[in-house]
Amino acid sequence: MDKNHLPYWKKELVLIAEKYNTTVADIIKPGRKENEFRARKEYAVIMRYMYGWSLPKIGRIINRDHTTVINYFRAKMVEPKEKKPPAPITLAKPKKPMGLPLNRTLNALGKDLPKGEYL
């Protein structure tokens, strides 16, 4: 396709389609693939801020309602973060036992524990 004889708004569509490795028809059709969505969104941003187009006009070109175009501007274009493994769980150091050991406590009360048995 000869880009030199196209109007500026079609040239932008062709350039964005090439950038996202898709076609103009894929950008305009009602699809939800990520590269098509990103291409539509970038086209809307360029036409709005570089050329001052209204949201309904942008929507007509890409076959979307103007409210959908508004959502393109609200959504952040953030790349998904890599999932990091969770931080290792660190256990608190055990507290020192309070008071005397059990054997001494029971001995003080006059009770003896049999040898080899522990609570």
Protein backbone atom coordinates (compact mmCIF):
# COMPACT_ATOMS: atom_id res chain seq x y z
CA MET A 1 0.00 0.00 0.00
CA ASP A 2 1.42 3.37 -1.04
CA LYS A 3 1.39 5.54 2.07
CA ASN A 4 2.18 8.76 0.18
CA HIS A 5 -1.29 9.11 -1.34
CA LEU A 6 -3.23 8.47 1.87
CA PRO A 7 -4.76 11.11 4.11
CA TYR A 8 -2.83 11.75 7.31
CA TRP A 9 -5.26 9.83 9.52
CA LYS A 10 -4.98 6.72 7.35
CA LYS A 11 -1.18 7.01 7.32
CA GLU A 12 -1.23 6.96 11.10
CA LEU A 13 -3.37 3.82 11.05
CA VAL A 14 -1.00 2.08 8.64
CA LEU A 15 2.08 3.04 10.67
CA ILE A 16 0.52 1.82 13.93
CA ALA A 17 -0.64 -1.41 12.28
CA GLU A 18 2.93 -2.07 11.13
CA LYS A 19 4.28 -1.27 14.58
CA TYR A 20 1.96 -3.78 16.26
CA ASN A 21 2.38 -6.39 13.52
CA THR A 22 -1.29 -6.36 12.55
CA THR A 23 -3.45 -4.92 9.76
CA VAL A 24 -5.65 -1.85 9.58
CA ALA A 25 -8.66 -4.15 9.16
CA ASP A 26 -7.74 -5.94 12.41
CA ILE A 27 -7.54 -2.62 14.26
CA ILE A 28 -10.97 -1.57 13.01
CA LYS A 29 -12.76 -4.89 13.44
CA PRO A 30 -14.43 -5.77 16.76
CA GLY A 31 -11.61 -7.82 18.24
CA ARG A 32 -10.12 -7.99 21.70
CA LYS A 33 -6.62 -9.26 21.03
CA GLU A 34 -4.04 -7.40 23.03
CA ASN A 35 -2.00 -6.11 20.10
CA GLU A 36 -5.16 -4.84 18.38
CA PHE A 37 -6.32 -3.14 21.58
CA ARG A 38 -2.95 -1.46 22.09
CA ALA A 39 -2.89 -0.33 18.47
CA ARG A 40 -6.38 1.19 18.79
CA LYS A 41 -5.42 2.89 22.00
CA GLU A 42 -2.24 4.36 20.57
CA TYR A 43 -4.14 5.58 17.51
CA ALA A 44 -6.71 7.28 19.73
CA VAL A 45 -4.01 8.99 21.78
CA ILE A 46 -2.15 10.21 18.68
CA MET A 47 -5.28 11.52 16.98
CA ARG A 48 -6.46 13.26 20.15
CA TYR A 49 -3.23 14.93 21.22
CA MET A 50 -1.42 15.47 17.93
CA TYR A 51 -4.35 16.40 15.74
CA GLY A 52 -6.96 17.54 18.26
CA TRP A 53 -9.69 15.18 17.11
CA SER A 54 -12.84 14.80 19.17
CA LEU A 55 -13.59 11.50 20.89
CA PRO A 56 -16.67 10.76 18.73
CA LYS A 57 -14.62 11.35 15.57
CA ILE A 58 -11.91 8.95 16.74
CA GLY A 59 -14.58 6.43 17.66
CA ARG A 60 -16.14 6.59 14.19
CA ILE A 61 -12.81 5.83 12.51
CA ILE A 62 -12.08 2.77 14.67
CA ASN A 63 -15.72 1.60 14.89
CA ARG A 64 -16.06 2.27 18.60
CA ASP A 65 -18.36 4.36 20.73
CA HIS A 66 -16.85 7.55 22.11
CA THR A 67 -17.19 6.17 25.66
CA THR A 68 -14.90 3.30 24.69
CA VAL A 69 -12.39 5.86 23.47
CA ILE A 70 -12.69 7.68 26.81
CA ASN A 71 -11.76 4.43 28.55
CA TYR A 72 -8.62 4.20 26.40
CA PHE A 73 -7.45 7.40 28.05
CA ARG A 74 -8.42 6.26 31.55
CA ALA A 75 -6.68 2.90 31.36
CA LYS A 76 -2.99 3.00 32.04
CA MET A 77 -0.71 1.49 29.46
CA VAL A 78 1.39 -0.48 31.89
CA GLU A 79 3.31 -3.57 31.00
CA PRO A 80 2.52 -6.52 33.24
CA LYS A 81 5.12 -6.93 35.97
CA GLU A 82 7.04 -10.13 36.29
CA LYS A 83 5.81 -12.22 39.14
CA LYS A 84 8.36 -12.35 41.88
CA PRO A 85 8.57 -15.30 44.22
CA PRO A 86 7.12 -14.52 47.62
CA ALA A 87 9.52 -13.34 50.27
CA PRO A 88 10.75 -16.12 52.53
CA ILE A 89 8.89 -16.43 55.78
CA THR A 90 11.07 -15.68 58.75
CA LEU A 91 10.07 -17.19 62.03
CA ALA A 92 10.51 -15.22 65.19
CA LYS A 93 13.04 -16.49 67.65
CA PRO A 94 11.42 -18.57 70.36
CA LYS A 95 10.95 -16.74 73.60
CA LYS A 96 12.85 -17.84 76.65
CA PRO A 97 10.75 -20.00 78.96
CA MET A 98 9.30 -18.10 81.84
CA GLY A 99 10.10 -19.32 85.33
CA LEU A 100 11.81 -22.56 86.31
CA PRO A 101 11.91 -25.67 84.15
CA LEU A 102 8.98 -28.02 84.68
CA ASN A 103 11.02 -30.62 86.54
CA ARG A 104 12.16 -28.11 89.15
CA THR A 105 8.67 -26.68 89.49
CA LEU A 106 7.12 -30.09 90.10
CA ASN A 107 9.94 -31.05 92.46
CA ALA A 108 9.30 -27.89 94.43
CA LEU A 109 5.65 -28.95 94.75
CA GLY A 110 6.75 -32.37 95.98
CA LYS A 111 5.86 -34.24 92.82
CA ASP A 112 8.45 -36.27 90.95
CA LEU A 113 8.35 -37.00 87.24
CA PRO A 114 9.23 -40.53 86.23
CA LYS A 115 12.48 -40.70 84.32
CA GLY A 116 12.11 -40.63 80.52
CA GLU A 117 8.66 -39.03 80.54
CA TYR A 118 8.35 -35.47 79.44
CA LEU A 119 5.40 -33.19 79.03
